[in-house]
N, C-alpha and C. Protein backbone atom coordinates (compact mmCIF):
# COMPACT_ATOMS: atom_id res chain seq x y z
N MET A 1 27.34 22.26 -1.86
CA MET A 1 27.27 21.98 -0.44
C MET A 1 25.82 22.02 0.01
N ALA A 2 25.52 21.21 0.99
CA ALA A 2 24.15 21.15 1.51
C ALA A 2 24.19 20.82 2.99
N SER A 3 23.17 21.23 3.70
CA SER A 3 23.03 20.85 5.10
C SER A 3 22.44 19.45 5.16
N TRP A 4 22.50 18.84 6.34
CA TRP A 4 21.88 17.53 6.52
C TRP A 4 20.38 17.63 6.26
N GLY A 5 19.75 18.70 6.70
CA GLY A 5 18.32 18.88 6.49
C GLY A 5 17.96 18.96 5.01
N GLU A 6 18.79 19.63 4.23
CA GLU A 6 18.54 19.70 2.78
C GLU A 6 18.67 18.32 2.15
N PHE A 7 19.69 17.57 2.55
CA PHE A 7 19.84 16.21 2.06
C PHE A 7 18.64 15.36 2.46
N ARG A 8 18.24 15.43 3.73
CA ARG A 8 17.11 14.63 4.21
C ARG A 8 15.83 14.97 3.45
N ALA A 9 15.63 16.24 3.12
CA ALA A 9 14.43 16.63 2.37
C ALA A 9 14.42 16.02 0.96
N GLN A 10 15.60 15.88 0.36
CA GLN A 10 15.70 15.32 -0.99
C GLN A 10 15.70 13.80 -1.00
N GLN A 11 16.30 13.18 0.02
CA GLN A 11 16.46 11.72 0.08
C GLN A 11 16.09 11.19 1.47
N PRO A 12 14.81 11.25 1.84
CA PRO A 12 14.44 10.88 3.22
C PRO A 12 14.75 9.43 3.58
N ASP A 13 14.59 8.50 2.65
CA ASP A 13 14.85 7.09 2.97
C ASP A 13 16.34 6.86 3.19
N MET A 14 17.17 7.38 2.30
CA MET A 14 18.61 7.21 2.46
C MET A 14 19.09 7.91 3.73
N ALA A 15 18.58 9.12 3.98
CA ALA A 15 18.98 9.86 5.19
C ALA A 15 18.61 9.08 6.45
N SER A 16 17.43 8.49 6.47
CA SER A 16 17.00 7.70 7.62
C SER A 16 17.93 6.51 7.85
N THR A 17 18.31 5.83 6.78
CA THR A 17 19.22 4.68 6.89
C THR A 17 20.59 5.12 7.39
N VAL A 18 21.11 6.22 6.85
CA VAL A 18 22.42 6.72 7.27
C VAL A 18 22.38 7.13 8.74
N GLU A 19 21.33 7.83 9.15
CA GLU A 19 21.19 8.23 10.55
C GLU A 19 21.15 7.00 11.45
N HIS A 20 20.39 5.98 11.06
CA HIS A 20 20.30 4.75 11.85
C HIS A 20 21.68 4.11 11.99
N LEU A 21 22.43 4.02 10.90
CA LEU A 21 23.76 3.42 10.95
C LEU A 21 24.71 4.24 11.81
N PHE A 22 24.68 5.56 11.65
CA PHE A 22 25.55 6.42 12.46
C PHE A 22 25.19 6.34 13.94
N ASN A 23 23.90 6.23 14.23
CA ASN A 23 23.45 6.22 15.62
C ASN A 23 23.53 4.84 16.27
N SER A 24 23.94 3.82 15.52
CA SER A 24 23.98 2.47 16.06
C SER A 24 25.07 2.29 17.12
N ARG A 25 26.06 3.13 17.10
CA ARG A 25 27.13 3.11 18.10
C ARG A 25 27.60 4.55 18.30
N ARG A 26 28.26 4.79 19.42
CA ARG A 26 28.69 6.15 19.76
C ARG A 26 29.89 6.62 18.94
N HIS A 27 30.88 5.77 18.75
CA HIS A 27 32.14 6.21 18.16
C HIS A 27 32.18 6.02 16.65
N LYS A 28 32.59 7.08 15.98
CA LYS A 28 32.77 7.09 14.54
C LYS A 28 34.24 7.39 14.23
N THR A 29 34.56 7.44 12.96
CA THR A 29 35.92 7.76 12.53
C THR A 29 35.85 9.02 11.66
N MET A 30 36.82 9.90 11.86
CA MET A 30 36.88 11.15 11.09
C MET A 30 38.23 11.24 10.39
N ALA A 31 38.19 11.62 9.13
CA ALA A 31 39.41 11.85 8.37
C ALA A 31 39.55 13.36 8.15
N THR A 32 40.75 13.85 8.41
CA THR A 32 41.09 15.25 8.16
C THR A 32 42.44 15.28 7.44
N LEU A 33 42.88 16.46 7.10
CA LEU A 33 44.18 16.62 6.43
C LEU A 33 45.15 17.34 7.36
N ARG A 34 46.33 16.74 7.54
CA ARG A 34 47.38 17.35 8.34
C ARG A 34 47.97 18.56 7.60
N ALA A 35 48.79 19.32 8.28
CA ALA A 35 49.41 20.50 7.68
C ALA A 35 50.23 20.16 6.44
N ASP A 36 50.83 18.96 6.42
CA ASP A 36 51.63 18.57 5.25
C ASP A 36 50.79 17.94 4.15
N GLY A 37 49.46 17.87 4.35
CA GLY A 37 48.56 17.33 3.34
C GLY A 37 48.29 15.84 3.47
N SER A 38 48.99 15.17 4.38
CA SER A 38 48.74 13.73 4.57
C SER A 38 47.46 13.54 5.39
N PRO A 39 46.82 12.38 5.26
CA PRO A 39 45.56 12.16 5.97
C PRO A 39 45.78 11.84 7.44
N ARG A 40 44.79 12.20 8.25
CA ARG A 40 44.77 11.84 9.67
C ARG A 40 43.41 11.19 9.94
N ILE A 41 43.41 10.06 10.64
CA ILE A 41 42.19 9.40 11.08
C ILE A 41 42.08 9.56 12.59
N SER A 42 40.91 9.99 13.05
CA SER A 42 40.69 10.21 14.47
C SER A 42 39.34 9.63 14.87
N GLY A 43 39.24 9.21 16.11
CA GLY A 43 37.94 8.85 16.65
C GLY A 43 37.14 10.12 16.91
N ILE A 44 35.81 10.02 16.79
CA ILE A 44 34.96 11.20 16.96
C ILE A 44 33.56 10.74 17.36
N GLU A 45 32.86 11.60 18.04
CA GLU A 45 31.44 11.43 18.26
C GLU A 45 30.75 12.55 17.50
N CYS A 46 29.62 12.25 16.89
CA CYS A 46 28.85 13.26 16.18
C CYS A 46 27.38 12.97 16.38
N GLU A 47 26.54 13.94 16.02
CA GLU A 47 25.10 13.75 16.18
C GLU A 47 24.34 14.60 15.18
N PHE A 48 23.10 14.19 14.95
CA PHE A 48 22.20 14.91 14.07
C PHE A 48 21.29 15.76 14.96
N VAL A 49 21.42 17.09 14.83
CA VAL A 49 20.66 18.02 15.67
C VAL A 49 20.14 19.15 14.79
N ALA A 50 18.83 19.39 14.89
CA ALA A 50 18.22 20.53 14.19
C ALA A 50 18.65 20.61 12.73
N ASP A 51 18.48 19.51 12.01
CA ASP A 51 18.79 19.44 10.57
C ASP A 51 20.26 19.65 10.26
N GLN A 52 21.13 19.42 11.23
CA GLN A 52 22.56 19.53 11.01
C GLN A 52 23.25 18.25 11.50
N LEU A 53 24.32 17.90 10.84
CA LEU A 53 25.24 16.89 11.35
C LEU A 53 26.35 17.67 12.04
N GLN A 54 26.55 17.44 13.33
CA GLN A 54 27.50 18.25 14.07
C GLN A 54 28.44 17.40 14.90
N PHE A 55 29.59 17.99 15.20
CA PHE A 55 30.57 17.37 16.08
C PHE A 55 31.31 18.47 16.82
N GLY A 56 31.95 18.10 17.90
CA GLY A 56 32.74 19.05 18.66
C GLY A 56 34.16 18.57 18.80
N SER A 57 35.04 19.48 19.19
CA SER A 57 36.43 19.12 19.40
C SER A 57 36.98 19.90 20.59
N MET A 58 37.81 19.23 21.37
CA MET A 58 38.45 19.88 22.51
C MET A 58 39.61 20.76 22.04
N PRO A 59 39.91 21.82 22.80
CA PRO A 59 41.06 22.66 22.45
C PRO A 59 42.34 21.81 22.43
N GLY A 60 43.21 22.10 21.51
CA GLY A 60 44.48 21.41 21.43
C GLY A 60 44.44 20.10 20.67
N ALA A 61 43.26 19.64 20.28
CA ALA A 61 43.17 18.40 19.52
C ALA A 61 43.73 18.62 18.12
N GLN A 62 44.44 17.63 17.61
CA GLN A 62 45.02 17.74 16.27
C GLN A 62 43.94 17.87 15.20
N LYS A 63 42.82 17.14 15.36
CA LYS A 63 41.75 17.25 14.36
C LYS A 63 41.16 18.66 14.34
N LEU A 64 41.15 19.35 15.49
CA LEU A 64 40.69 20.74 15.54
C LEU A 64 41.62 21.62 14.72
N ALA A 65 42.92 21.46 14.93
CA ALA A 65 43.89 22.23 14.14
C ALA A 65 43.74 21.93 12.65
N ASP A 66 43.49 20.66 12.34
CA ASP A 66 43.33 20.28 10.94
C ASP A 66 42.14 20.99 10.29
N VAL A 67 40.95 20.92 10.92
CA VAL A 67 39.77 21.52 10.28
C VAL A 67 39.78 23.04 10.33
N GLN A 68 40.51 23.62 11.29
CA GLN A 68 40.65 25.07 11.28
C GLN A 68 41.53 25.53 10.13
N ARG A 69 42.50 24.72 9.76
CA ARG A 69 43.42 25.04 8.67
C ARG A 69 42.80 24.69 7.31
N ASP A 70 42.15 23.51 7.24
CA ASP A 70 41.54 23.01 6.00
C ASP A 70 40.27 22.29 6.40
N PRO A 71 39.10 22.86 6.11
CA PRO A 71 37.86 22.32 6.64
C PRO A 71 37.37 21.01 6.01
N ARG A 72 38.06 20.53 4.99
CA ARG A 72 37.61 19.28 4.36
C ARG A 72 37.74 18.13 5.34
N CYS A 73 36.68 17.30 5.40
CA CYS A 73 36.69 16.17 6.32
C CYS A 73 35.74 15.10 5.81
N ALA A 74 35.90 13.91 6.36
CA ALA A 74 34.99 12.80 6.09
C ALA A 74 34.69 12.11 7.41
N LEU A 75 33.45 11.67 7.55
CA LEU A 75 33.04 10.92 8.74
C LEU A 75 32.54 9.56 8.28
N HIS A 76 33.00 8.52 8.96
CA HIS A 76 32.60 7.15 8.65
C HIS A 76 31.87 6.60 9.86
N GLY A 77 30.66 6.13 9.65
CA GLY A 77 29.89 5.57 10.74
C GLY A 77 30.49 4.28 11.26
N PRO A 78 30.00 3.80 12.40
CA PRO A 78 30.48 2.54 12.94
C PRO A 78 30.19 1.39 11.98
N THR A 79 31.03 0.36 12.04
CA THR A 79 30.84 -0.77 11.14
C THR A 79 30.75 -2.07 11.92
N VAL A 80 30.08 -3.02 11.32
CA VAL A 80 30.03 -4.39 11.81
C VAL A 80 30.25 -5.29 10.61
N ASP A 81 30.78 -6.47 10.86
CA ASP A 81 31.02 -7.42 9.78
C ASP A 81 29.74 -8.15 9.42
N PRO A 82 29.56 -8.47 8.12
CA PRO A 82 28.44 -9.35 7.76
C PRO A 82 28.64 -10.72 8.41
N VAL A 83 27.56 -11.34 8.81
CA VAL A 83 27.61 -12.67 9.42
C VAL A 83 27.64 -13.70 8.30
N GLU A 84 28.67 -14.54 8.32
CA GLU A 84 28.81 -15.56 7.28
C GLU A 84 27.56 -16.44 7.24
N GLY A 85 27.03 -16.61 6.03
CA GLY A 85 25.82 -17.38 5.84
C GLY A 85 24.55 -16.56 5.98
N ASN A 86 24.68 -15.34 6.49
CA ASN A 86 23.53 -14.46 6.68
C ASN A 86 23.87 -13.05 6.20
N GLU A 87 24.63 -12.98 5.11
CA GLU A 87 25.16 -11.72 4.60
C GLU A 87 24.05 -10.72 4.24
N ALA A 88 22.90 -11.22 3.80
CA ALA A 88 21.83 -10.32 3.38
C ALA A 88 21.30 -9.47 4.53
N ASP A 89 21.54 -9.88 5.76
CA ASP A 89 21.08 -9.10 6.92
C ASP A 89 22.08 -8.03 7.38
N TRP A 90 23.24 -7.96 6.71
CA TRP A 90 24.22 -6.93 7.06
C TRP A 90 23.60 -5.55 6.87
N PRO A 91 23.66 -4.69 7.89
CA PRO A 91 23.02 -3.38 7.76
C PRO A 91 23.75 -2.42 6.83
N GLY A 92 25.01 -2.70 6.53
CA GLY A 92 25.78 -1.82 5.66
C GLY A 92 26.60 -0.82 6.46
N GLU A 93 27.13 0.17 5.74
CA GLU A 93 27.91 1.22 6.39
C GLU A 93 27.66 2.53 5.66
N ALA A 94 27.92 3.62 6.36
CA ALA A 94 27.62 4.94 5.82
C ALA A 94 28.80 5.88 6.02
N LYS A 95 28.97 6.79 5.06
CA LYS A 95 30.03 7.79 5.10
C LYS A 95 29.47 9.12 4.62
N VAL A 96 30.00 10.19 5.14
CA VAL A 96 29.70 11.52 4.63
C VAL A 96 31.01 12.27 4.45
N ALA A 97 31.05 13.18 3.53
CA ALA A 97 32.21 14.04 3.35
C ALA A 97 31.73 15.45 3.07
N GLY A 98 32.53 16.40 3.48
CA GLY A 98 32.17 17.79 3.27
C GLY A 98 33.18 18.70 3.93
N ARG A 99 32.64 19.80 4.45
CA ARG A 99 33.48 20.80 5.09
C ARG A 99 32.94 21.10 6.48
N ALA A 100 33.86 21.19 7.43
CA ALA A 100 33.51 21.52 8.81
C ALA A 100 33.38 23.04 8.92
N VAL A 101 32.23 23.50 9.36
CA VAL A 101 31.96 24.93 9.51
C VAL A 101 31.77 25.22 10.99
N SER A 102 32.54 26.15 11.52
CA SER A 102 32.46 26.45 12.94
C SER A 102 31.06 26.94 13.30
N ALA A 103 30.54 26.39 14.41
CA ALA A 103 29.25 26.82 14.94
C ALA A 103 29.45 27.48 16.30
N GLY A 104 30.71 27.80 16.65
CA GLY A 104 31.00 28.53 17.87
C GLY A 104 31.58 27.68 18.97
N ALA A 105 31.87 28.34 20.06
CA ALA A 105 32.49 27.70 21.22
C ALA A 105 31.46 26.86 21.96
N ILE A 106 31.96 25.81 22.62
CA ILE A 106 31.12 24.99 23.49
C ILE A 106 31.79 24.91 24.86
N GLY A 107 31.03 24.49 25.84
CA GLY A 107 31.58 24.27 27.18
C GLY A 107 31.44 25.49 28.06
N GLY A 108 32.25 25.49 29.11
CA GLY A 108 32.18 26.54 30.12
C GLY A 108 31.35 26.06 31.30
N ASP A 109 31.32 26.82 32.37
CA ASP A 109 30.58 26.48 33.59
C ASP A 109 30.89 25.06 34.06
N GLY A 110 32.16 24.72 34.11
CA GLY A 110 32.56 23.40 34.58
C GLY A 110 32.55 22.32 33.52
N GLN A 111 32.04 22.62 32.34
CA GLN A 111 32.02 21.67 31.25
C GLN A 111 33.29 21.84 30.41
N PRO A 112 33.77 20.76 29.78
CA PRO A 112 34.95 20.90 28.92
C PRO A 112 34.68 21.92 27.82
N SER A 113 35.70 22.71 27.52
CA SER A 113 35.54 23.71 26.46
C SER A 113 35.97 23.13 25.13
N GLY A 114 35.64 23.82 24.09
CA GLY A 114 36.02 23.38 22.75
C GLY A 114 35.27 24.17 21.70
N GLU A 115 35.19 23.59 20.52
CA GLU A 115 34.53 24.25 19.41
C GLU A 115 33.56 23.27 18.76
N GLN A 116 32.39 23.78 18.40
CA GLN A 116 31.35 22.99 17.73
C GLN A 116 31.41 23.25 16.24
N PHE A 117 31.15 22.22 15.44
CA PHE A 117 31.14 22.33 13.98
C PHE A 117 29.90 21.67 13.43
N VAL A 118 29.43 22.17 12.29
CA VAL A 118 28.43 21.48 11.48
C VAL A 118 29.11 21.10 10.17
N VAL A 119 28.60 20.06 9.54
CA VAL A 119 29.19 19.57 8.30
C VAL A 119 28.33 20.03 7.13
N ASP A 120 28.93 20.80 6.22
CA ASP A 120 28.32 21.10 4.93
C ASP A 120 28.67 19.95 4.00
N LEU A 121 27.66 19.29 3.48
CA LEU A 121 27.86 18.04 2.75
C LEU A 121 28.31 18.23 1.31
N ASP A 122 29.35 17.46 0.94
CA ASP A 122 29.73 17.28 -0.47
C ASP A 122 29.12 15.99 -1.00
N ASN A 123 29.09 14.95 -0.14
CA ASN A 123 28.50 13.68 -0.57
C ASN A 123 28.14 12.83 0.64
N VAL A 124 27.21 11.92 0.40
CA VAL A 124 26.78 10.93 1.38
C VAL A 124 26.82 9.59 0.66
N VAL A 125 27.41 8.56 1.30
CA VAL A 125 27.56 7.25 0.67
C VAL A 125 26.99 6.18 1.60
N LEU A 126 26.22 5.29 1.03
CA LEU A 126 25.65 4.15 1.74
C LEU A 126 26.07 2.90 1.00
N THR A 127 26.74 1.98 1.70
CA THR A 127 27.21 0.74 1.11
C THR A 127 26.52 -0.42 1.83
N ARG A 128 25.94 -1.33 1.06
CA ARG A 128 25.23 -2.47 1.64
C ARG A 128 25.27 -3.62 0.65
N LEU A 129 24.63 -4.71 0.98
CA LEU A 129 24.49 -5.83 0.05
C LEU A 129 23.07 -5.87 -0.49
N ASN A 130 22.91 -6.47 -1.67
CA ASN A 130 21.57 -6.60 -2.23
C ASN A 130 20.75 -7.58 -1.38
N ALA A 131 19.46 -7.74 -1.70
CA ALA A 131 18.56 -8.57 -0.91
C ALA A 131 19.02 -10.02 -0.81
N ASP A 132 19.73 -10.51 -1.83
CA ASP A 132 20.24 -11.89 -1.81
C ASP A 132 21.57 -12.00 -1.07
N GLY A 133 22.19 -10.87 -0.77
CA GLY A 133 23.49 -10.87 -0.11
C GLY A 133 24.62 -11.28 -1.03
N THR A 134 24.42 -11.11 -2.34
CA THR A 134 25.40 -11.60 -3.31
C THR A 134 26.13 -10.49 -4.05
N ARG A 135 25.62 -9.27 -3.98
CA ARG A 135 26.25 -8.16 -4.70
C ARG A 135 26.35 -6.95 -3.79
N LEU A 136 27.42 -6.21 -3.96
CA LEU A 136 27.61 -4.97 -3.22
C LEU A 136 26.81 -3.86 -3.90
N VAL A 137 26.04 -3.11 -3.12
CA VAL A 137 25.26 -2.00 -3.63
C VAL A 137 25.82 -0.72 -3.01
N VAL A 138 26.25 0.20 -3.86
CA VAL A 138 26.78 1.48 -3.38
C VAL A 138 25.86 2.58 -3.90
N GLN A 139 25.28 3.32 -2.97
CA GLN A 139 24.47 4.50 -3.31
C GLN A 139 25.24 5.72 -2.86
N TRP A 140 25.21 6.76 -3.66
CA TRP A 140 25.82 8.01 -3.23
C TRP A 140 24.97 9.17 -3.72
N TRP A 141 25.04 10.25 -2.95
CA TRP A 141 24.29 11.46 -3.23
C TRP A 141 25.24 12.63 -3.16
N THR A 142 25.08 13.53 -4.12
CA THR A 142 25.79 14.81 -4.09
C THR A 142 24.77 15.91 -4.36
N PRO A 143 25.03 17.13 -3.88
CA PRO A 143 24.07 18.21 -4.12
C PRO A 143 23.81 18.46 -5.61
N LYS A 144 24.82 18.32 -6.44
CA LYS A 144 24.64 18.58 -7.88
C LYS A 144 24.18 17.35 -8.65
N GLY A 145 24.67 16.18 -8.27
CA GLY A 145 24.37 14.96 -9.03
C GLY A 145 23.17 14.18 -8.55
N GLY A 146 22.67 14.52 -7.36
CA GLY A 146 21.54 13.77 -6.81
C GLY A 146 21.96 12.36 -6.40
N LEU A 147 21.00 11.46 -6.41
CA LEU A 147 21.22 10.07 -5.98
C LEU A 147 21.66 9.21 -7.15
N GLN A 148 22.69 8.42 -6.93
CA GLN A 148 23.18 7.47 -7.93
C GLN A 148 23.44 6.14 -7.25
N GLN A 149 23.48 5.09 -8.03
CA GLN A 149 23.70 3.76 -7.46
C GLN A 149 24.42 2.87 -8.45
N VAL A 150 25.24 1.96 -7.92
CA VAL A 150 25.92 0.96 -8.72
C VAL A 150 25.92 -0.35 -7.92
N GLU A 151 25.82 -1.46 -8.63
CA GLU A 151 25.96 -2.79 -8.01
C GLU A 151 27.21 -3.43 -8.55
N ARG A 152 27.92 -4.12 -7.66
CA ARG A 152 29.17 -4.78 -8.05
C ARG A 152 29.16 -6.22 -7.56
N ASP A 153 29.82 -7.08 -8.33
CA ASP A 153 29.98 -8.49 -7.90
C ASP A 153 31.01 -8.58 -6.83
């Protein structure tokens, strides 16, 4: 497991690209595990703050119950489709997976209440096309394995 800051220190270029993709739009997608072990997909907002990737949840939200019971989660950044005929300009998409760690309560004083979490990273994945726009390039990083890459037709 690693913090976002630890990942950024090891892979600054990849971290910058992932942050750019995540910050390109407000809404992301989060995957958690329900009590019966089946997956749940939820909309979420998250941000990079003080070397952490963090998100919050309102009381009573199902995703809150999910991560309190089983902290494993994945976040998928916003996506856009490649433009036909201009595929090489597609910015790609980014995903992270890890564990949600409580960072305490949020809200109060008229603000919505809830709980704040930071993500301890298991992996970071960046998917894009090569410079010619003809092959899929998948890069992934793990704390133990470092950076790896594969190209696919």
